[in-house]
Amino acid sequence: MSKRRAKLIIFLAAAPMLAVLGLVALRGLSTFIASFQEGANPASIFHGAELRLPYSDQVLWLDDLGDTGHTPTVAQREELIAAYWNAWSALERAYLTGNSDDLTTYWAGGAYEQLHIEPNGKLHQSTSGHQLRLRFFADDGTVAALDDLDFQITQTLDGETLTFTASAAVILTLDNGYWRIRSISVDYAG
């Protein structure tokens, strides 16, 4: 066999493998370049916070109360309900652990100043049966007022459990991409 023929056989055997490797490299490069054209991840509007919707037996939207101003979209309602639910969850964690670092994500202004968290928290609190009724939603989508009707608050401390029925008037504002409870007035049923 001549050298020329041996080189031709080696070339013909290696050519398909080189072609496959070239196509794989081209695909990887095109995927890398295309990733710069996709834009921001829509979930990034929540700053990495998970849009955690409660189950329907935990929170229920009732019909709006008369003229609420602007009617929020389904997505805006989901953001409101998730933020409201996360605010109560953050409060429950703070009562249990004594760590209030997460509260400023969901509570602000007068509502935050009302909260009293013990540093060595051992209070277990849970809420259920929230029935939300929208009272107002601003045209620019940055302010919402709602009523939370006849929900249950259960607190356990040192083995003693108490359950309260309460209603709340709540004002939420959209600050830096987060819905925060700005004002809350809770009325405990007797």
Protein backbone atom coordinates (compact mmCIF):
# COMPACT_ATOMS: atom_id res chain seq x y z
CA MET A 1 0.00 0.00 0.00
CA SER A 2 1.34 3.38 -0.93
CA LYS A 3 1.69 6.32 1.42
CA ARG A 4 -0.74 8.30 -0.64
CA ARG A 5 -3.41 5.60 -0.37
CA ALA A 6 -2.86 5.23 3.44
CA LYS A 7 -3.29 8.99 3.90
CA LEU A 8 -6.51 8.92 1.86
CA ILE A 9 -7.95 6.07 3.97
CA ILE A 10 -7.06 7.88 7.24
CA PHE A 11 -8.61 11.10 5.91
CA LEU A 12 -11.85 9.33 4.85
CA ALA A 13 -12.12 7.63 8.26
CA ALA A 14 -11.46 10.85 10.23
CA ALA A 15 -13.63 13.18 8.12
CA PRO A 16 -17.03 12.06 9.51
CA MET A 17 -15.76 12.33 13.08
CA LEU A 18 -14.39 15.82 12.45
CA ALA A 19 -17.67 16.83 10.81
CA VAL A 20 -19.68 15.66 13.86
CA LEU A 21 -17.34 17.48 16.26
CA GLY A 22 -17.61 20.63 14.14
CA LEU A 23 -21.43 20.49 14.18
CA VAL A 24 -21.48 19.99 17.98
CA ALA A 25 -19.15 22.98 18.44
CA LEU A 26 -21.27 25.12 16.09
CA ARG A 27 -24.47 24.20 17.94
CA GLY A 28 -22.89 25.03 21.31
CA LEU A 29 -21.64 28.37 20.03
CA SER A 30 -25.04 29.27 18.52
CA THR A 31 -26.83 28.35 21.77
CA PHE A 32 -24.40 30.50 23.73
CA ILE A 33 -24.94 33.49 21.43
CA ALA A 34 -28.73 33.01 21.41
CA SER A 35 -28.84 33.11 25.22
CA PHE A 36 -27.87 36.80 25.04
CA GLN A 37 -30.95 37.52 22.92
CA GLU A 38 -33.56 36.02 25.29
CA GLY A 39 -33.92 38.94 27.71
CA ALA A 40 -34.68 38.80 31.40
CA ASN A 41 -36.34 35.91 33.10
CA PRO A 42 -39.92 37.01 33.92
CA ALA A 43 -39.54 35.55 37.43
CA SER A 44 -36.80 38.09 38.11
CA ILE A 45 -39.46 40.74 38.80
CA PHE A 46 -39.92 38.96 42.12
CA HIS A 47 -36.20 39.35 42.91
CA GLY A 48 -35.88 35.60 43.19
CA ALA A 49 -38.80 35.33 45.61
CA GLU A 50 -41.07 32.47 44.77
CA LEU A 51 -44.64 33.28 43.75
CA ARG A 52 -46.18 30.96 46.33
CA LEU A 53 -49.94 30.80 46.00
CA PRO A 54 -51.83 29.36 48.96
CA TYR A 55 -54.38 26.59 48.57
CA SER A 56 -57.98 27.65 48.03
CA ASP A 57 -58.97 26.49 51.55
CA GLN A 58 -56.32 28.82 53.01
CA VAL A 59 -57.17 31.99 51.04
CA LEU A 60 -60.22 32.74 48.91
CA TRP A 61 -61.00 35.81 46.79
CA LEU A 62 -64.52 37.10 47.29
CA ASP A 63 -66.29 39.43 44.86
CA ASP A 64 -64.87 42.95 44.81
CA LEU A 65 -66.52 45.59 46.96
CA GLY A 66 -68.27 48.00 44.56
CA ASP A 67 -66.12 50.29 42.41
CA THR A 68 -62.51 49.44 43.26
CA GLY A 69 -60.97 51.88 40.80
CA HIS A 70 -58.82 49.93 38.36
CA THR A 71 -59.59 46.21 38.01
CA PRO A 72 -56.44 44.13 38.59
CA THR A 73 -55.51 41.36 36.17
CA VAL A 74 -55.42 37.74 37.26
CA ALA A 75 -51.60 37.98 37.48
CA GLN A 76 -51.83 41.09 39.68
CA ARG A 77 -54.33 39.33 41.97
CA GLU A 78 -51.98 36.36 42.22
CA GLU A 79 -49.08 38.67 43.12
CA LEU A 80 -51.22 40.33 45.81
CA ILE A 81 -52.44 37.10 47.32
CA ALA A 82 -48.94 35.56 47.24
CA ALA A 83 -47.42 38.63 48.92
CA TYR A 84 -50.17 38.71 51.55
CA TRP A 85 -49.74 35.00 52.23
CA ASN A 86 -45.94 35.32 52.36
CA ALA A 87 -46.30 38.23 54.82
CA TRP A 88 -48.30 36.05 57.22
CA SER A 89 -45.81 33.18 56.73
CA ALA A 90 -42.86 35.50 57.47
CA LEU A 91 -44.62 36.66 60.64
CA GLU A 92 -45.24 33.06 61.71
CA ARG A 93 -41.54 32.22 61.18
CA ALA A 94 -40.47 35.31 63.13
CA TYR A 95 -42.70 34.39 66.08
CA LEU A 96 -41.36 30.84 66.10
CA THR A 97 -37.64 31.60 65.65
CA GLY A 98 -37.29 35.14 66.97
CA ASN A 99 -35.55 36.10 63.70
CA SER A 100 -37.30 39.08 62.13
CA ASP A 101 -34.88 39.65 59.21
CA ASP A 102 -37.44 38.50 56.61
CA LEU A 103 -40.25 40.77 57.82
CA THR A 104 -39.15 43.91 55.95
CA THR A 105 -39.64 42.04 52.68
CA TYR A 106 -43.41 41.93 53.27
CA TRP A 107 -44.17 44.47 56.01
CA ALA A 108 -43.46 48.24 55.92
CA GLY A 109 -44.38 51.51 57.58
CA GLY A 110 -46.95 51.44 60.37
CA ALA A 111 -47.73 47.75 59.84
CA TYR A 112 -44.09 46.80 60.43
CA GLU A 113 -43.81 49.08 63.47
CA GLN A 114 -46.82 47.29 65.07
CA LEU A 115 -45.03 43.94 65.04
CA HIS A 116 -43.42 42.85 68.29
CA ILE A 117 -41.12 39.85 67.89
CA GLU A 118 -39.45 38.32 70.93
CA PRO A 119 -35.76 37.47 70.33
CA ASN A 120 -36.17 33.98 71.80
CA GLY A 121 -39.43 33.26 70.01
CA LYS A 122 -41.24 30.08 70.79
CA LEU A 123 -44.75 31.13 69.79
CA HIS A 124 -46.20 28.94 67.07
CA GLN A 125 -48.82 30.84 65.07
CA SER A 126 -50.78 29.80 62.02
CA THR A 127 -53.61 31.38 60.07
CA SER A 128 -56.30 29.89 57.85
CA GLY A 129 -59.61 30.70 56.24
CA HIS A 130 -58.60 34.08 54.79
CA GLN A 131 -61.42 35.56 52.68
CA LEU A 132 -60.14 38.55 50.73
CA ARG A 133 -62.32 41.26 49.26
CA LEU A 134 -60.71 43.99 47.16
CA ARG A 135 -61.77 47.53 48.17
CA PHE A 136 -59.40 49.58 45.99
CA PHE A 137 -56.74 49.07 43.32
CA ALA A 138 -54.85 52.11 42.01
CA ASP A 139 -54.75 52.87 38.28
CA ASP A 140 -50.95 52.67 38.28
CA GLY A 141 -51.05 49.29 40.07
CA THR A 142 -48.99 50.36 43.09
CA VAL A 143 -51.62 50.53 45.85
CA ALA A 144 -54.26 48.00 46.85
CA ALA A 145 -56.71 48.00 49.74
CA LEU A 146 -58.50 44.84 50.78
CA ASP A 147 -60.48 43.34 53.61
CA ASP A 148 -59.61 39.94 55.08
CA LEU A 149 -62.81 38.58 56.56
CA ASP A 150 -63.30 36.04 59.36
CA PHE A 151 -59.94 34.27 59.28
CA GLN A 152 -58.61 32.08 62.07
CA ILE A 153 -55.43 32.74 64.04
CA THR A 154 -54.17 29.80 66.10
CA GLN A 155 -51.37 30.41 68.59
CA THR A 156 -49.58 27.78 70.67
CA LEU A 157 -47.22 28.68 73.50
CA ASP A 158 -45.94 26.23 76.12
CA GLY A 159 -48.50 23.62 75.10
CA GLU A 160 -51.47 25.99 75.45
CA THR A 161 -53.40 26.67 72.25
CA LEU A 162 -55.69 29.63 71.62
CA THR A 163 -57.75 30.25 68.48
CA PHE A 164 -59.11 33.65 67.49
CA THR A 165 -61.41 34.75 64.71
CA ALA A 166 -60.39 38.07 63.21
CA SER A 167 -60.99 40.41 60.30
CA ALA A 168 -58.50 42.89 58.92
CA ALA A 169 -58.42 46.00 56.77
CA VAL A 170 -55.17 45.95 54.78
CA ILE A 171 -53.35 48.42 52.54
CA LEU A 172 -50.52 47.08 50.39
CA THR A 173 -48.07 49.12 48.33
CA LEU A 174 -45.77 47.99 45.54
CA ASP A 175 -42.25 49.05 46.60
CA ASN A 176 -39.18 48.10 44.54
CA GLY A 177 -41.00 45.17 42.97
CA TYR A 178 -42.40 43.82 46.27
CA TRP A 179 -45.95 44.09 47.54
CA ARG A 180 -45.69 45.08 51.20
CA ILE A 181 -48.34 45.45 53.86
CA ARG A 182 -48.16 49.16 54.66
CA SER A 183 -51.12 49.33 57.02
CA ILE A 184 -53.20 46.67 58.77
CA SER A 185 -56.00 47.03 61.27
CA VAL A 186 -57.05 43.74 62.85
CA ASP A 187 -60.41 43.38 64.59
CA TYR A 188 -60.68 40.30 66.84
CA ALA A 189 -64.16 38.81 67.19
CA GLY A 190 -65.32 38.48 70.76
